[in-house]
Structures are given as C-alpha cells and as structure tokens.
Protein backbone atom coordinates (compact mmCIF):
# COMPACT_ATOMS: atom_id res chain seq x y z
CA MET A 1 0.00 0.00 0.00
CA LYS A 2 2.83 2.37 0.91
CA ALA A 3 4.49 1.68 -2.42
CA VAL A 4 1.29 2.56 -4.31
CA THR A 5 0.87 5.77 -2.28
CA SER A 6 4.48 6.75 -2.93
CA LEU A 7 4.03 6.06 -6.64
CA LEU A 8 0.88 8.20 -6.80
CA ILE A 9 2.62 11.05 -4.96
CA ALA A 10 5.56 10.81 -7.38
CA ILE A 11 3.23 10.88 -10.41
CA ILE A 12 1.32 13.90 -9.06
CA ALA A 13 4.59 15.70 -8.29
CA PHE A 14 5.91 14.94 -11.78
CA LEU A 15 2.75 16.18 -13.47
CA THR A 16 2.77 19.35 -11.35
CA LEU A 17 6.41 20.07 -12.13
CA SER A 18 6.09 19.26 -15.82
CA SER A 19 3.28 21.79 -16.18
CA PHE A 20 5.72 24.50 -15.18
CA ILE A 21 8.82 23.35 -17.05
CA PRO A 22 9.51 25.66 -20.02
CA THR A 23 8.37 24.49 -23.42
CA ALA A 24 10.77 23.79 -26.29
CA GLN A 25 10.23 27.38 -27.45
CA GLU A 26 11.18 28.71 -24.04
CA CYS A 27 14.23 26.42 -23.81
CA GLU A 28 15.59 28.17 -26.89
CA ILE A 29 16.64 30.86 -24.41
CA TYR A 30 19.48 28.55 -23.37
CA ASN A 31 20.51 27.84 -26.93
CA SER A 32 20.36 31.39 -28.27
CA THR A 33 21.94 33.34 -25.41
CA VAL A 34 25.50 34.48 -24.65
CA ARG A 35 26.01 35.57 -21.06
CA LEU A 36 28.61 38.05 -19.79
CA HIS A 37 30.27 37.29 -16.45
CA VAL A 38 32.73 39.85 -15.06
CA ILE A 39 34.63 38.70 -11.97
CA ALA A 40 36.46 41.22 -9.79
CA ASN A 41 39.93 40.67 -8.39
CA SER A 42 38.59 40.92 -4.82
CA ASP A 43 35.71 42.31 -2.79
CA SER A 44 37.56 45.51 -1.91
CA GLU A 45 35.74 48.72 -2.77
CA SER A 46 38.37 49.69 -5.33
CA ASP A 47 38.32 46.29 -7.07
CA GLN A 48 34.53 46.28 -7.21
CA SER A 49 34.58 49.75 -8.74
CA LEU A 50 37.16 48.61 -11.30
CA LYS A 51 34.96 45.62 -12.18
CA LEU A 52 32.16 47.99 -13.19
CA LYS A 53 34.49 50.16 -15.23
CA VAL A 54 35.82 47.13 -17.08
CA ARG A 55 32.24 45.95 -17.63
CA ASP A 56 31.26 49.31 -19.10
CA ALA A 57 34.22 49.31 -21.50
CA ILE A 58 33.55 45.73 -22.68
CA VAL A 59 29.83 46.33 -23.17
CA GLU A 60 30.47 49.61 -24.98
CA ASP A 61 32.85 47.93 -27.41
CA LEU A 62 30.52 45.00 -28.09
CA LYS A 63 27.27 46.89 -28.49
CA ASN A 64 27.91 47.62 -32.16
CA CYS A 65 29.16 44.18 -33.20
CA GLY A 66 26.11 43.83 -35.46
CA ALA A 67 25.50 40.15 -34.68
CA THR A 68 22.10 38.77 -35.61
CA SER A 69 22.62 35.31 -34.09
CA LYS A 70 24.42 33.64 -31.21
CA ASP A 71 26.96 32.11 -33.62
CA GLU A 72 27.73 35.51 -35.16
CA ALA A 73 28.12 37.05 -31.71
CA LEU A 74 30.48 34.29 -30.56
CA SER A 75 32.50 34.46 -33.77
CA TYR A 76 32.93 38.20 -33.31
CA ILE A 77 33.88 37.90 -29.64
CA GLU A 78 36.39 35.12 -30.33
CA SER A 79 38.00 37.15 -33.12
CA GLU A 80 38.16 40.22 -30.88
CA LYS A 81 39.19 38.42 -27.66
CA GLU A 82 42.72 39.85 -27.53
CA LYS A 83 41.42 43.34 -28.31
CA LEU A 84 38.81 43.04 -25.54
CA GLU A 85 41.47 41.91 -23.06
CA ASN A 86 43.55 44.94 -24.05
CA ILE A 87 40.55 47.23 -23.54
CA ALA A 88 40.05 45.79 -20.06
CA ASP A 89 43.78 46.07 -19.28
CA ASP A 90 43.80 49.70 -20.41
CA VAL A 91 40.93 50.48 -18.03
CA LEU A 92 42.77 48.79 -15.17
CA GLU A 93 46.03 50.61 -15.94
CA GLU A 94 44.30 53.98 -16.29
CA ASN A 95 42.88 53.47 -12.82
CA GLY A 96 46.20 52.61 -11.21
CA SER A 97 45.80 48.82 -11.08
CA THR A 98 48.54 46.35 -11.95
CA ASP A 99 45.97 43.56 -12.42
CA ARG A 100 45.32 42.12 -15.83
CA ALA A 101 42.15 40.69 -17.37
CA LEU A 102 41.70 37.26 -18.90
CA ILE A 103 38.73 36.37 -21.10
CA LYS A 104 37.48 32.79 -21.27
CA ILE A 105 34.66 31.63 -23.55
CA GLY A 106 32.83 28.41 -22.73
CA LYS A 107 29.91 26.81 -20.93
CA GLU A 108 29.07 27.93 -17.42
CA ASP A 109 26.29 27.14 -14.95
CA TYR A 110 24.16 30.10 -13.89
CA PRO A 111 21.53 30.30 -11.15
CA THR A 112 18.14 31.86 -11.83
CA ARG A 113 18.99 35.51 -12.17
CA GLU A 114 16.59 38.44 -11.81
CA TYR A 115 17.56 41.74 -13.35
CA GLU A 116 15.63 44.98 -12.99
CA ASN A 117 13.04 44.25 -15.65
CA PHE A 118 13.54 40.61 -16.62
CA ALA A 119 14.82 37.25 -15.39
CA LEU A 120 16.64 34.30 -16.91
CA PRO A 121 16.31 30.68 -15.76
CA ALA A 122 19.06 28.65 -14.15
CA GLY A 123 20.99 26.55 -16.59
CA ASN A 124 24.16 25.94 -18.53
CA TYR A 125 24.83 28.88 -20.85
CA THR A 126 27.55 29.89 -23.27
CA SER A 127 29.47 32.43 -21.24
CA VAL A 128 32.10 35.11 -21.81
CA ARG A 129 34.00 35.31 -18.54
CA VAL A 130 36.14 38.39 -17.88
CA ILE A 131 38.40 37.49 -14.97
CA ILE A 132 40.23 40.40 -13.37
CA GLY A 133 43.43 39.62 -11.48
CA ASN A 134 42.86 36.73 -9.07
CA GLY A 135 39.15 36.60 -9.89
CA GLU A 136 38.19 36.17 -6.23
CA GLY A 137 35.67 38.99 -5.88
CA ARG A 138 31.94 39.36 -6.37
CA ASN A 139 30.85 39.16 -9.96
CA TRP A 140 28.44 40.83 -12.36
CA TRP A 141 26.21 39.08 -14.91
CA CYS A 142 24.31 40.22 -17.93
CA VAL A 143 23.38 39.14 -21.45
CA LEU A 144 25.66 39.94 -24.39
CA PHE A 145 23.43 38.31 -26.97
CA PRO A 146 20.69 39.21 -27.45
CA PRO A 147 22.26 42.51 -26.28
CA LEU A 148 20.09 43.01 -23.20
CA CYS A 149 22.84 44.82 -21.27
CA THR A 150 23.45 47.44 -23.92
CA ALA A 151 21.66 50.67 -24.69
CA ALA A 152 19.78 49.04 -27.57
CA ALA A 153 17.45 47.22 -25.21
CA MET A 154 17.64 49.16 -21.95
CA GLU A 155 13.91 49.85 -21.95
CA TYR A 156 13.16 46.12 -22.29
CA ASP A 157 9.92 46.74 -24.12
CA GLU A 158 8.69 44.08 -26.50
CA GLU A 159 9.68 45.93 -29.66
CA ASN A 160 13.26 46.52 -28.52
CA CYS A 161 13.73 42.96 -27.28
CA VAL A 162 12.31 41.42 -30.45
CA ASP A 163 14.51 43.76 -32.50
CA VAL A 164 17.63 42.41 -30.77
CA GLY A 165 16.77 38.75 -31.26
CA LEU A 166 14.17 37.48 -28.80
CA THR A 167 10.92 35.97 -29.96
CA LYS A 168 7.70 37.41 -28.53
CA ASP A 169 7.23 34.24 -26.46
CA GLN A 170 10.74 34.52 -25.04
CA TYR A 171 10.19 38.21 -24.25
CA ARG A 172 6.96 37.40 -22.42
CA LEU A 173 8.68 34.63 -20.50
CA ILE A 174 11.74 36.54 -19.29
CA THR A 175 9.82 39.71 -18.43
CA GLY A 176 7.12 37.83 -16.57
CA THR A 177 4.29 39.23 -18.66
CA ASN A 178 2.90 35.70 -18.80
CA GLY A 179 2.80 35.72 -14.98
CA GLU A 180 4.62 32.42 -14.61
CA TYR A 181 8.34 32.86 -15.09
CA LYS A 182 9.34 33.08 -11.41
CA VAL A 183 7.60 29.82 -10.58
CA LYS A 184 8.85 28.09 -13.71
CA PHE A 185 12.43 29.21 -13.24
CA LYS A 186 12.54 28.30 -9.56
CA LEU A 187 11.15 24.82 -10.22
CA LEU A 188 13.61 24.40 -13.08
CA GLU A 189 16.48 25.35 -10.76
CA ILE A 190 15.29 22.87 -8.09
CA ALA A 191 14.96 20.12 -10.69
CA ALA A 192 18.41 20.85 -12.11
CA ASP A 193 19.95 20.73 -8.62
CA ALA A 194 18.11 17.54 -7.67
CA PHE A 195 18.78 15.56 -10.83
CA GLY A 196 22.00 17.13 -12.10
CA VAL A 197 20.25 18.38 -15.21
CA ALA A 198 21.96 21.05 -17.30
CA TYR A 199 19.87 22.81 -19.93
CA ASP A 200 22.01 23.80 -22.87
C-alpha cells in the first residue's frame, strides 16, 4: 500500500512540475543566449569599482558588433578576444591597477537571475568570462546576446527585445508578462539541482 501511495505522490509531483517546465520554445533561451560574467579581483571597494568600469568598456565595445545570431556574436567575440582583453587592461592601468584581465569563452552554470526588468532561468549557458586579477571577488552578470545589457534594449519593451533577437514568447517569458516565469524558473532550478540536469 505504501508503495502505491508513494508512486501516486511521485506521479502527481511529476505532473505538477512538468506543467511549469519551459516548453521547447522557451528552452531556446538557453541555446540562443550568450552571457557576460565579469569577476572582480577581490571584494575591496576599489576592485569592485574597477569591475564595473571594465564591464562598461567591454559592453560599450561590443554593443555595435552587429551580430544577428548567437553564432555571429560568438565568432565576433572570439576574433576580438585579444582586443577586448587589451581594452580591459587599459581600463585597469588607467585606474592605477597592476591587475590584468583574462577572457574565457565556454559553458558555465548560472543560477536563476533576476535583473531589474527581466529574469533568466538557471541553466548551462555559453558564457564570456572576464576574470580580473585573481578573480576572487563578487561578480556581475548580464546578457551579451541578445544585447540586453546594452543601450539598444535598456527599456526592455517588447519591440526593442524582439529587435535584438528574442521571440515574442521569449520576451513574455523573461519579463514575466505571462505571470509564470518566477515559478517556472525556480522549479527548473530545483529540478536541475536535484537531478543534475543542465539545460544547454
């Protein structure tokens, strides 16, 4: 009897969770996104300030790359990697730091992340990591492609976000206009932690 009860509970839990798991359309967010991850040298006030200055310089340089797909964005970033490291190093040097920046491009696990006007689900994303010095300080995340951390989409309205590469369904998901994203993303994060699932 206990086994039957446990099975029924498991089935109900599965059906409840599956109703909130993003659809194939929504999972395209993982496959079409390039995240930016800037890691400070340390948690000192000066290093945290430098992190933001490096971020601003990187974002400013990349905002006009003209990419219309994730592959184009990655190709551009990879071809400009040395230049971007030099831009970051120049910012550090101009501000009296002897630290240097290292850029790594690859897959990285991200938690559910809420920004001011939108959120992205936990998962395994293609990531551009800018590591400053020892890379032991608090970090800063955003989205390089679609360019949600550049001026082109700062208002995060549907027209701007669709213009920079999101579908209307993806826009409605990440901005919560469908009223479900927080629940979906949290359940997705719990499931990923419990079962070792990486969405990529």
